[in-house]
PDB file of N, CA and C in Angstrom:
ATOM      1  N   MET A   1       0.671  -1.291   0.124  1.00  0.00           N
ATOM      2  CA  MET A   1      -0.045   0.267  -0.317  1.00  0.00           C
ATOM      3  C   MET A   1       0.779   1.266   0.016  1.00  0.00           C
ATOM      4  N   SER A   2       0.670   2.227  -0.854  1.00  0.00           N
ATOM      5  CA  SER A   2       1.403   3.422  -0.938  1.00  0.00           C
ATOM      6  C   SER A   2       0.543   4.399  -1.694  1.00  0.00           C
ATOM      7  N   ILE A   3       1.086   5.741  -1.564  1.00  0.00           N
ATOM      8  CA  ILE A   3       0.704   6.779  -2.311  1.00  0.00           C
ATOM      9  C   ILE A   3       1.426   6.830  -3.499  1.00  0.00           C
ATOM     10  N   LYS A   4       0.816   7.616  -4.752  1.00  0.00           N
ATOM     11  CA  LYS A   4       1.429   8.135  -5.692  1.00  0.00           C
ATOM     12  C   LYS A   4       1.146   9.726  -5.933  1.00  0.00           C
ATOM     13  N   ILE A   5       1.988  10.585  -6.036  1.00  0.00           N
ATOM     14  CA  ILE A   5       2.064  11.755  -5.990  1.00  0.00           C
ATOM     15  C   ILE A   5       2.537  12.096  -7.756  1.00  0.00           C
ATOM     16  N   ASP A   6       1.492  12.952  -8.162  1.00  0.00           N
ATOM     17  CA  ASP A   6       1.565  13.679  -9.625  1.00  0.00           C
ATOM     18  C   ASP A   6       1.977  14.668  -9.722  1.00  0.00           C
ATOM     19  N   VAL A   7       3.111  14.946  -9.765  1.00  0.00           N
ATOM     20  CA  VAL A   7       3.772  16.370  -9.836  1.00  0.00           C
ATOM     21  C   VAL A   7       3.199  17.400 -10.647  1.00  0.00           C
ATOM     22  N   ASN A   8       2.514  16.718 -11.518  1.00  0.00           N
ATOM     23  CA  ASN A   8       2.197  17.908 -12.679  1.00  0.00           C
ATOM     24  C   ASN A   8       0.796  18.380 -12.049  1.00  0.00           C
ATOM     25  N   LYS A   9       0.318  17.901 -11.191  1.00  0.00           N
ATOM     26  CA  LYS A   9      -1.330  18.359 -10.562  1.00  0.00           C
ATOM     27  C   LYS A   9      -0.495  19.234  -8.972  1.00  0.00           C
ATOM     28  N   CYS A  10       0.272  18.778  -8.685  1.00  0.00           N
ATOM     29  CA  CYS A  10       0.907  19.355  -7.393  1.00  0.00           C
ATOM     30  C   CYS A  10       1.052  20.859  -7.726  1.00  0.00           C
ATOM     31  N   VAL A  11       0.466  21.574  -6.863  1.00  0.00           N
ATOM     32  CA  VAL A  11       0.587  22.830  -6.358  1.00  0.00           C
ATOM     33  C   VAL A  11       1.453  23.316  -5.651  1.00  0.00           C
ATOM     34  N   GLY A  12       2.417  22.462  -4.689  1.00  0.00           N
ATOM     35  CA  GLY A  12       3.256  23.083  -3.805  1.00  0.00           C
ATOM     36  C   GLY A  12       2.457  23.739  -2.544  1.00  0.00           C
ATOM     37  N   CYS A  13       1.269  23.379  -2.378  1.00  0.00           N
ATOM     38  CA  CYS A  13       0.719  24.160  -1.115  1.00  0.00           C
ATOM     39  C   CYS A  13       0.943  23.469   0.132  1.00  0.00           C
ATOM     40  N   ASN A  14       2.152  22.321   0.452  1.00  0.00           N
ATOM     41  CA  ASN A  14       2.673  22.007   1.683  1.00  0.00           C
ATOM     42  C   ASN A  14       1.348  21.205   2.630  1.00  0.00           C
ATOM     43  N   LYS A  15       0.258  21.154   2.196  1.00  0.00           N
ATOM     44  CA  LYS A  15      -0.788  20.673   2.949  1.00  0.00           C
ATOM     45  C   LYS A  15      -0.301  19.073   3.541  1.00  0.00           C
ATOM     46  N   CYS A  16       0.072  18.310   2.498  1.00  0.00           N
ATOM     47  CA  CYS A  16       0.479  16.977   2.601  1.00  0.00           C
ATOM     48  C   CYS A  16       1.585  16.867   3.362  1.00  0.00           C
ATOM     49  N   LEU A  17       2.541  17.655   3.148  1.00  0.00           N
ATOM     50  CA  LEU A  17       3.874  17.145   4.200  1.00  0.00           C
ATOM     51  C   LEU A  17       3.664  17.854   5.388  1.00  0.00           C
ATOM     52  N   GLU A  18       2.414  19.079   5.916  1.00  0.00           N
ATOM     53  CA  GLU A  18       2.392  19.130   7.226  1.00  0.00           C
ATOM     54  C   GLU A  18       1.341  18.031   7.666  1.00  0.00           C
ATOM     55  N   ILE A  19       0.463  17.382   6.957  1.00  0.00           N
ATOM     56  CA  ILE A  19      -0.172  16.291   7.377  1.00  0.00           C
ATOM     57  C   ILE A  19       0.119  15.051   7.957  1.00  0.00           C
ATOM     58  N   CYS A  20       1.276  14.588   6.802  1.00  0.00           N
ATOM     59  CA  CYS A  20       1.808  13.449   6.862  1.00  0.00           C
ATOM     60  C   CYS A  20       2.167  12.819   8.610  1.00  0.00           C
ATOM     61  N   PRO A  21       1.705  12.095   9.200  1.00  0.00           N
ATOM     62  CA  PRO A  21       2.249  11.357  10.375  1.00  0.00           C
ATOM     63  C   PRO A  21       3.702  10.972  10.367  1.00  0.00           C
ATOM     64  N   GLY A  22       4.069  10.227   8.907  1.00  0.00           N
ATOM     65  CA  GLY A  22       5.490   9.985   9.238  1.00  0.00           C
ATOM     66  C   GLY A  22       6.438  10.717   8.715  1.00  0.00           C
ATOM     67  N   SER A  23       6.136  11.850   8.243  1.00  0.00           N
ATOM     68  CA  SER A  23       6.943  12.709   7.744  1.00  0.00           C
ATOM     69  C   SER A  23       7.457  12.298   6.713  1.00  0.00           C
ATOM     70  N   LEU A  24       7.025  11.654   5.834  1.00  0.00           N
ATOM     71  CA  LEU A  24       7.380  10.728   4.641  1.00  0.00           C
ATOM     72  C   LEU A  24       7.264  11.546   3.280  1.00  0.00           C
ATOM     73  N   ILE A  25       6.882  12.872   3.342  1.00  0.00           N
ATOM     74  CA  ILE A  25       6.747  13.562   2.116  1.00  0.00           C
ATOM     75  C   ILE A  25       7.518  14.843   1.901  1.00  0.00           C
ATOM     76  N   TYR A  26       8.206  14.838   0.754  1.00  0.00           N
ATOM     77  CA  TYR A  26       9.370  15.954   0.750  1.00  0.00           C
ATOM     78  C   TYR A  26       8.833  16.881  -0.505  1.00  0.00           C
ATOM     79  N   LYS A  27       9.529  17.828  -0.276  1.00  0.00           N
ATOM     80  CA  LYS A  27       9.593  18.657  -1.999  1.00  0.00           C
ATOM     81  C   LYS A  27      10.949  18.408  -2.804  1.00  0.00           C
ATOM     82  N   ASN A  28      10.546  18.699  -4.154  1.00  0.00           N
ATOM     83  CA  ASN A  28      11.409  18.524  -4.905  1.00  0.00           C
ATOM     84  C   ASN A  28      12.147  19.775  -5.420  1.00  0.00           C
ATOM     85  N   GLU A  29      13.126  20.204  -6.340  1.00  0.00           N
ATOM     86  CA  GLU A  29      13.400  21.312  -6.716  1.00  0.00           C
ATOM     87  C   GLU A  29      12.709  22.098  -7.171  1.00  0.00           C
ATOM     88  N   SER A  30      11.715  21.668  -7.769  1.00  0.00           N
ATOM     89  CA  SER A  30      10.564  22.493  -8.578  1.00  0.00           C
ATOM     90  C   SER A  30       9.180  22.716  -7.248  1.00  0.00           C
ATOM     91  N   ASN A  31       9.811  22.688  -5.930  1.00  0.00           N
ATOM     92  CA  ASN A  31       8.511  22.842  -4.886  1.00  0.00           C
ATOM     93  C   ASN A  31       7.431  22.015  -5.294  1.00  0.00           C
ATOM     94  N   LYS A  32       7.579  20.766  -5.913  1.00  0.00           N
ATOM     95  CA  LYS A  32       6.445  19.798  -5.907  1.00  0.00           C
ATOM     96  C   LYS A  32       6.632  18.750  -4.775  1.00  0.00           C
ATOM     97  N   ALA A  33       5.435  18.009  -4.338  1.00  0.00           N
ATOM     98  CA  ALA A  33       5.735  17.119  -3.281  1.00  0.00           C
ATOM     99  C   ALA A  33       5.960  15.781  -3.993  1.00  0.00           C
ATOM    100  N   PHE A  34       6.778  14.893  -3.092  1.00  0.00           N
ATOM    101  CA  PHE A  34       7.090  13.762  -3.480  1.00  0.00           C
ATOM    102  C   PHE A  34       7.219  12.658  -2.530  1.00  0.00           C
ATOM    103  N   ILE A  35       7.029  11.532  -2.421  1.00  0.00           N
ATOM    104  CA  ILE A  35       7.369  10.448  -1.229  1.00  0.00           C
ATOM    105  C   ILE A  35       8.662  10.051  -1.759  1.00  0.00           C
ATOM    106  N   LYS A  36       9.638   9.834  -1.006  1.00  0.00           N
ATOM    107  CA  LYS A  36      10.942   9.297  -1.069  1.00  0.00           C
ATOM    108  C   LYS A  36      10.995   7.920  -1.211  1.00  0.00           C
ATOM    109  N   TYR A  37      10.343   7.249  -0.103  1.00  0.00           N
ATOM    110  CA  TYR A  37      10.462   5.402  -0.196  1.00  0.00           C
ATOM    111  C   TYR A  37       8.784   5.451  -0.110  1.00  0.00           C
ATOM    112  N   GLU A  38       8.344   5.124  -0.916  1.00  0.00           N
ATOM    113  CA  GLU A  38       6.725   4.731  -0.936  1.00  0.00           C
ATOM    114  C   GLU A  38       6.396   3.286  -0.304  1.00  0.00           C
ATOM    115  N   LYS A  39       7.212   2.350   0.020  1.00  0.00           N
ATOM    116  CA  LYS A  39       7.018   1.377   0.711  1.00  0.00           C
ATOM    117  C   LYS A  39       6.576   1.931   2.327  1.00  0.00           C
ATOM    118  N   ASP A  40       7.625   2.665   2.424  1.00  0.00           N
ATOM    119  CA  ASP A  40       7.327   3.182   3.938  1.00  0.00           C
ATOM    120  C   ASP A  40       5.872   3.734   4.141  1.00  0.00           C
ATOM    121  N   CYS A  41       5.336   4.132   3.341  1.00  0.00           N
ATOM    122  CA  CYS A  41       3.562   4.878   3.645  1.00  0.00           C
ATOM    123  C   CYS A  41       3.007   3.801   4.368  1.00  0.00           C
ATOM    124  N   TRP A  42       2.155   4.866   5.414  1.00  0.00           N
ATOM    125  CA  TRP A  42       1.434   3.855   6.382  1.00  0.00           C
ATOM    126  C   TRP A  42       0.009   3.378   5.841  1.00  0.00           C
ATOM    127  N   GLY A  43      -0.221   4.458   4.771  1.00  0.00           N
ATOM    128  CA  GLY A  43      -1.529   4.029   4.442  1.00  0.00           C
ATOM    129  C   GLY A  43      -2.806   4.613   5.524  1.00  0.00           C
ATOM    130  N   CYS A  44      -2.297   5.844   6.146  1.00  0.00           N
ATOM    131  CA  CYS A  44      -3.419   6.582   6.867  1.00  0.00           C
ATOM    132  C   CYS A  44      -4.348   7.267   5.870  1.00  0.00           C
ATOM    133  N   THR A  45      -3.918   7.680   4.651  1.00  0.00           N
ATOM    134  CA  THR A  45      -4.816   8.658   3.796  1.00  0.00           C
ATOM    135  C   THR A  45      -4.806   9.929   4.482  1.00  0.00           C
ATOM    136  N   ALA A  46      -4.416  10.411   5.357  1.00  0.00           N
ATOM    137  CA  ALA A  46      -4.268  11.979   5.672  1.00  0.00           C
ATOM    138  C   ALA A  46      -4.086  12.717   4.595  1.00  0.00           C
ATOM    139  N   CYS A  47      -3.204  12.788   3.602  1.00  0.00           N
ATOM    140  CA  CYS A  47      -2.650  13.399   2.455  1.00  0.00           C
ATOM    141  C   CYS A  47      -3.673  13.451   1.570  1.00  0.00           C
ATOM    142  N   LEU A  48      -4.476  12.283   1.155  1.00  0.00           N
ATOM    143  CA  LEU A  48      -5.625  12.451   0.057  1.00  0.00           C
ATOM    144  C   LEU A  48      -6.197  13.126   0.546  1.00  0.00           C
ATOM    145  N   LYS A  49      -6.960  13.286   2.163  1.00  0.00           N
ATOM    146  CA  LYS A  49      -8.025  14.132   2.509  1.00  0.00           C
ATOM    147  C   LYS A  49      -7.566  15.615   2.322  1.00  0.00           C
ATOM    148  N   GLU A  50      -6.304  15.907   2.521  1.00  0.00           N
ATOM    149  CA  GLU A  50      -6.070  17.377   2.470  1.00  0.00           C
ATOM    150  C   GLU A  50      -5.582  17.964   1.104  1.00  0.00           C
ATOM    151  N   CYS A  51      -5.233  17.015   0.243  1.00  0.00           N
ATOM    152  CA  CYS A  51      -4.959  17.739  -0.978  1.00  0.00           C
ATOM    153  C   CYS A  51      -6.299  17.951  -1.972  1.00  0.00           C
ATOM    154  N   LYS A  52      -6.333  19.474  -2.220  1.00  0.00           N
ATOM    155  CA  LYS A  52      -7.699  19.762  -3.067  1.00  0.00           C
ATOM    156  C   LYS A  52      -7.509  19.639  -4.608  1.00  0.00           C
ATOM    157  N   PHE A  53      -6.289  19.279  -4.974  1.00  0.00           N
ATOM    158  CA  PHE A  53      -5.854  19.327  -6.549  1.00  0.00           C
ATOM    159  C   PHE A  53      -6.000  17.737  -7.135  1.00  0.00           C
ATOM    160  N   LYS A  54      -6.320  16.917  -6.431  1.00  0.00           N
ATOM    161  CA  LYS A  54      -6.334  15.471  -6.492  1.00  0.00           C
ATOM    162  C   LYS A  54      -4.935  14.716  -7.266  1.00  0.00           C
ATOM    163  N   ALA A  55      -3.553  15.428  -6.467  1.00  0.00           N
ATOM    164  CA  ALA A  55      -2.602  15.267  -7.021  1.00  0.00           C
ATOM    165  C   ALA A  55      -2.063  13.952  -6.550  1.00  0.00           C
ATOM    166  N   ILE A  56      -2.630  13.444  -5.471  1.00  0.00           N
ATOM    167  CA  ILE A  56      -2.106  12.319  -4.545  1.00  0.00           C
ATOM    168  C   ILE A  56      -3.314  11.147  -4.800  1.00  0.00           C
ATOM    169  N   LYS A  57      -2.869   9.916  -5.212  1.00  0.00           N
ATOM    170  CA  LYS A  57      -3.804   8.988  -5.136  1.00  0.00           C
ATOM    171  C   LYS A  57      -3.138   7.934  -4.418  1.00  0.00           C
ATOM    172  N   TYR A  58      -3.956   6.967  -3.654  1.00  0.00           N
ATOM    173  CA  TYR A  58      -3.719   5.917  -2.953  1.00  0.00           C
ATOM    174  C   TYR A  58      -3.706   4.354  -3.990  1.00  0.00           C
ATOM    175  N   TYR A  59      -2.504   3.993  -3.870  1.00  0.00           N
ATOM    176  CA  TYR A  59      -2.574   2.501  -4.689  1.00  0.00           C
ATOM    177  C   TYR A  59      -2.877   1.163  -3.929  1.00  0.00           C
ATOM    178  N   LEU A  60      -4.039   0.708  -4.468  1.00  0.00           N
ATOM    179  CA  LEU A  60      -4.791  -0.158  -3.958  1.00  0.00           C
ATOM    180  C   LEU A  60      -3.989  -1.476  -4.560  1.00  0.00           C
ATOM    181  N   GLY A  61      -3.296  -2.269  -3.651  1.00  0.00           N
ATOM    182  CA  GLY A  61      -2.604  -3.315  -4.530  1.00  0.00           C
ATOM    183  C   GLY A  61      -3.493  -4.707  -4.121  1.00  0.00           C
ATOM    184  N   THR A  62      -2.857  -5.718  -5.097  1.00  0.00           N
ATOM    185  CA  THR A  62      -3.415  -6.961  -4.949  1.00  0.00           C
ATOM    186  C   THR A  62      -3.321  -7.579  -3.386  1.00  0.00           C
ATOM    187  N   ASP A  63      -2.818  -7.491  -2.572  1.00  0.00           N
ATOM    188  CA  ASP A  63      -2.545  -7.700  -1.260  1.00  0.00           C
ATOM    189  C   ASP A  63      -3.666  -7.425  -0.531  1.00  0.00           C
ATOM    190  N   ILE A  64      -4.445  -5.929  -1.026  1.00  0.00           N
ATOM    191  CA  ILE A  64      -5.863  -5.825   0.020  1.00  0.00           C
ATOM    192  C   ILE A  64      -6.735  -5.942  -1.029  1.00  0.00           C
ATOM    193  N   GLY A  65      -6.917  -6.569  -1.873  1.00  0.00           N
ATOM    194  CA  GLY A  65      -8.154  -6.823  -3.236  1.00  0.00           C
ATOM    195  C   GLY A  65      -8.511  -5.888  -4.109  1.00  0.00           C
ATOM    196  N   GLY A  66      -7.349  -5.013  -4.146  1.00  0.00           N
ATOM    197  CA  GLY A  66      -7.257  -3.576  -5.315  1.00  0.00           C
ATOM    198  C   GLY A  66      -7.123  -4.188  -6.557  1.00  0.00           C
ATOM    199  N   ASN A  67      -6.095  -4.993  -6.570  1.00  0.00           N
ATOM    200  CA  ASN A  67      -5.500  -5.369  -8.108  1.00  0.00           C
ATOM    201  C   ASN A  67      -5.035  -4.047  -8.858  1.00  0.00           C
ATOM    202  N   GLY A  68      -4.436  -3.573  -8.355  1.00  0.00           N
ATOM    203  CA  GLY A  68      -4.181  -2.358  -8.954  1.00  0.00           C
ATOM    204  C   GLY A  68      -4.909  -0.956  -8.991  1.00  0.00           C
ATOM    205  N   ALA A  69      -5.822  -0.962  -8.213  1.00  0.00           N
ATOM    206  CA  ALA A  69      -6.863   0.127  -8.220  1.00  0.00           C
ATOM    207  C   ALA A  69      -6.131   1.414  -7.495  1.00  0.00           C
ATOM    208  N   GLU A  70      -6.857   2.370  -8.091  1.00  0.00           N
ATOM    209  CA  GLU A  70      -6.282   3.729  -7.434  1.00  0.00           C
ATOM    210  C   GLU A  70      -7.485   4.029  -6.686  1.00  0.00           C
ATOM    211  N   LEU A  71      -7.028   5.147  -5.471  1.00  0.00           N
ATOM    212  CA  LEU A  71      -7.955   5.802  -4.851  1.00  0.00           C
ATOM    213  C   LEU A  71      -7.858   7.520  -4.613  1.00  0.00           C
ATOM    214  N   TYR A  72      -8.553   8.186  -5.039  1.00  0.00           N
ATOM    215  CA  TYR A  72      -8.228   9.749  -4.684  1.00  0.00           C
ATOM    216  C   TYR A  72      -9.704  10.291  -3.903  1.00  0.00           C
ATOM    217  N   VAL A  73      -9.517  11.023  -3.233  1.00  0.00           N
ATOM    218  CA  VAL A  73     -10.448  12.148  -2.045  1.00  0.00           C
ATOM    219  C   VAL A  73     -10.984  12.985  -3.014  1.00  0.00           C
ATOM    220  N   GLU A  74     -12.242  13.823  -3.275  1.00  0.00           N
ATOM    221  CA  GLU A  74     -12.661  14.906  -3.448  1.00  0.00           C
ATOM    222  C   GLU A  74     -13.495  15.357  -2.662  1.00  0.00           C
ATOM    223  N   GLU A  75     -13.446  16.757  -1.831  1.00  0.00           N
ATOM    224  CA  GLU A  75     -14.153  17.195  -0.847  1.00  0.00           C
ATOM    225  C   GLU A  75     -15.203  18.035  -1.569  1.00  0.00           C
ATOM    226  N   VAL A  76     -16.917  18.000  -0.854  1.00  0.00           N
ATOM    227  CA  VAL A  76     -17.807  18.733  -1.873  1.00  0.00           C
ATOM    228  C   VAL A  76     -18.146  19.093  -0.589  1.00  0.00           C
ATOM    229  N   ASN A  77     -18.371  20.207   0.016  1.00  0.00           N
ATOM    230  CA  ASN A  77     -18.752  20.733   1.199  1.00  0.00           C
ATOM    231  C   ASN A  77     -18.565  19.701   2.446  1.00  0.00           C
ATOM    232  N   ASP A  78     -19.264  19.332   2.853  1.00  0.00           N
ATOM    233  CA  ASP A  78     -19.195  18.478   4.232  1.00  0.00           C
ATOM    234  C   ASP A  78     -18.913  16.941   3.862  1.00  0.00           C
ATOM    235  N   THR A  79     -19.279  16.593   2.258  1.00  0.00           N
ATOM    236  CA  THR A  79     -19.025  15.299   2.187  1.00  0.00           C
ATOM    237  C   THR A  79     -17.671  14.974   1.331  1.00  0.00           C
ATOM    238  N   LEU A  80     -17.093  14.215   1.608  1.00  0.00           N
ATOM    239  CA  LEU A  80     -16.081  13.387   1.233  1.00  0.00           C
ATOM    240  C   LEU A  80     -16.461  12.145  -0.321  1.00  0.00           C
ATOM    241  N   ASN A  81     -16.190  12.655  -1.271  1.00  0.00           N
ATOM    242  CA  ASN A  81     -16.475  11.570  -2.245  1.00  0.00           C
ATOM    243  C   ASN A  81     -14.878  10.826  -2.531  1.00  0.00           C
ATOM    244  N   TRP A  82     -15.024   9.408  -1.946  1.00  0.00           N
ATOM    245  CA  TRP A  82     -13.935   8.442  -2.054  1.00  0.00           C
ATOM    246  C   TRP A  82     -13.874   7.638  -3.665  1.00  0.00           C
ATOM    247  N   HIS A  83     -13.262   8.369  -4.365  1.00  0.00           N
ATOM    248  CA  HIS A  83     -13.335   7.542  -5.986  1.00  0.00           C
ATOM    249  C   HIS A  83     -12.189   6.436  -6.061  1.00  0.00           C
ATOM    250  N   ILE A  84     -12.666   5.513  -5.990  1.00  0.00           N
ATOM    251  CA  ILE A  84     -11.668   4.233  -6.365  1.00  0.00           C
ATOM    252  C   ILE A  84     -12.038   3.764  -8.332  1.00  0.00           C
ATOM    253  N   THR A  85     -10.763   3.845  -8.569  1.00  0.00           N
ATOM    254  CA  THR A  85     -10.517   3.855 -10.393  1.00  0.00           C
ATOM    255  C   THR A  85     -10.177   2.561 -10.426  1.00  0.00           C
ATOM    256  N   ASP A  86     -10.736   1.571 -11.243  1.00  0.00           N
ATOM    257  CA  ASP A  86      -9.739   0.021 -11.482  1.00  0.00           C
ATOM    258  C   ASP A  86      -9.132   0.245 -12.538  1.00  0.00           C
ATOM    259  N   LYS A  87      -8.531  -0.737 -12.822  1.00  0.00           N
ATOM    260  CA  LYS A  87      -7.501  -0.446 -14.111  1.00  0.00           C
ATOM    261  C   LYS A  87      -8.428  -0.545 -15.529  1.00  0.00           C
ATOM    262  N   CYS A  88      -9.464  -0.933 -15.405  1.00  0.00           N
ATOM    263  CA  CYS A  88     -10.193  -0.609 -16.706  1.00  0.00           C
ATOM    264  C   CYS A  88     -11.079   0.780 -16.935  1.00  0.00           C
ATOM    265  N   GLY A  89     -10.535   1.488 -15.746  1.00  0.00           N
ATOM    266  CA  GLY A  89     -11.159   2.939 -15.879  1.00  0.00           C
ATOM    267  C   GLY A  89     -12.521   2.989 -15.178  1.00  0.00           C
ATOM    268  N   ARG A  90     -12.733   2.127 -14.648  1.00  0.00           N
ATOM    269  CA  ARG A  90     -14.283   2.129 -13.771  1.00  0.00           C
ATOM    270  C   ARG A  90     -14.203   2.775 -12.661  1.00  0.00           C
ATOM    271  N   ASP A  91     -15.247   3.839 -12.220  1.00  0.00           N
ATOM    272  CA  ASP A  91     -14.696   4.782 -11.215  1.00  0.00           C
ATOM    273  C   ASP A  91     -16.042   4.364 -10.337  1.00  0.00           C
ATOM    274  N   VAL A  92     -15.856   3.625  -9.000  1.00  0.00           N
ATOM    275  CA  VAL A  92     -16.971   3.736  -8.085  1.00  0.00           C
ATOM    276  C   VAL A  92     -16.829   4.766  -6.907  1.00  0.00           C
ATOM    277  N   ILE A  93     -17.744   5.284  -6.545  1.00  0.00           N
ATOM    278  CA  ILE A  93     -17.753   6.579  -5.540  1.00  0.00           C
ATOM    279  C   ILE A  93     -18.221   6.117  -4.366  1.00  0.00           C
ATOM    280  N   ILE A  94     -17.733   6.331  -3.111  1.00  0.00           N
ATOM    281  CA  ILE A  94     -18.105   5.852  -2.018  1.00  0.00           C
ATOM    282  C   ILE A  94     -18.126   7.345  -1.161  1.00  0.00           C
ATOM    283  N   SER A  95     -19.513   8.066  -0.608  1.00  0.00           N
ATOM    284  CA  SER A  95     -19.543   9.218  -0.266  1.00  0.00           C
ATOM    285  C   SER A  95     -19.859   9.122   1.635  1.00  0.00           C
ATOM    286  N   THR A  96     -19.206   9.855   2.077  1.00  0.00           N
ATOM    287  CA  THR A  96     -19.168   9.790   3.404  1.00  0.00           C
ATOM    288  C   THR A  96     -19.426  11.340   4.138  1.00  0.00           C
ATOM    289  N   ASN A  97     -20.111  11.544   4.848  1.00  0.00           N
ATOM    290  CA  ASN A  97     -20.251  12.791   5.603  1.00  0.00           C
ATOM    291  C   ASN A  97     -18.983  13.277   6.734  1.00  0.00           C
ATOM    292  N   ARG A  98     -18.556  14.467   6.122  1.00  0.00           N
ATOM    293  CA  ARG A  98     -16.901  14.630   6.845  1.00  0.00           C
ATOM    294  C   ARG A  98     -17.668  14.964   8.490  1.00  0.00           C
ATOM    295  N   LYS A  99     -18.594  15.425   8.891  1.00  0.00           N
ATOM    296  CA  LYS A  99     -18.782  15.774  10.094  1.00  0.00           C
ATOM    297  C   LYS A  99     -19.349  14.717  11.064  1.00  0.00           C
ATOM    298  N   GLN A 100     -19.624  13.498  10.165  1.00  0.00           N
ATOM    299  CA  GLN A 100     -20.255  12.461  11.130  1.00  0.00           C
ATOM    300  C   GLN A 100     -19.083  11.277  10.992  1.00  0.00           C
ATOM    301  N   SER A 101     -18.167  11.047  10.199  1.00  0.00           N
ATOM    302  CA  SER A 101     -17.089  10.119  10.160  1.00  0.00           C
ATOM    303  C   SER A 101     -16.941   9.451  11.275  1.00  0.00           C
ATOM    304  N   ASN A 102     -16.486  10.374  12.479  1.00  0.00           N
ATOM    305  CA  ASN A 102     -16.005   9.539  13.507  1.00  0.00           C
ATOM    306  C   ASN A 102     -17.470   9.434  14.589  1.00  0.00           C
ATOM    307  N   LYS A 103     -18.341   9.355  14.070  1.00  0.00           N
ATOM    308  CA  LYS A 103     -19.857   9.024  15.031  1.00  0.00           C
ATOM    309  C   LYS A 103     -19.588   7.856  15.678  1.00  0.00           C
ATOM    310  N   TYR A 104     -19.380   6.793  15.044  1.00  0.00           N
ATOM    311  CA  TYR A 104     -19.121   5.360  15.393  1.00  0.00           C
ATOM    312  C   TYR A 104     -18.084   5.168  16.343  1.00  0.00           C
TER     313      TYR A 104
END
């Protein structure tokens, strides 16, 4: 499990660097975010929720049933839309209310 950062979509806002609990995300010479050692990613998805530019995707490997699918988060008001895209390009969206996500 790991994240992938698209430097073409990254705007250099630093939010992913600030939120990563493992301090695993760095900046390159172009002020774009990157993860130095992808295998060290904890899979907490904190950076996905902070990135408003869809520059970070979470790789869902076969070890957790993802078979190479990718996940990204889109925030719309109080709703988090978790987009899961498989290798064939099919997109499944799971929506959660941000204000009630820790209710249980």
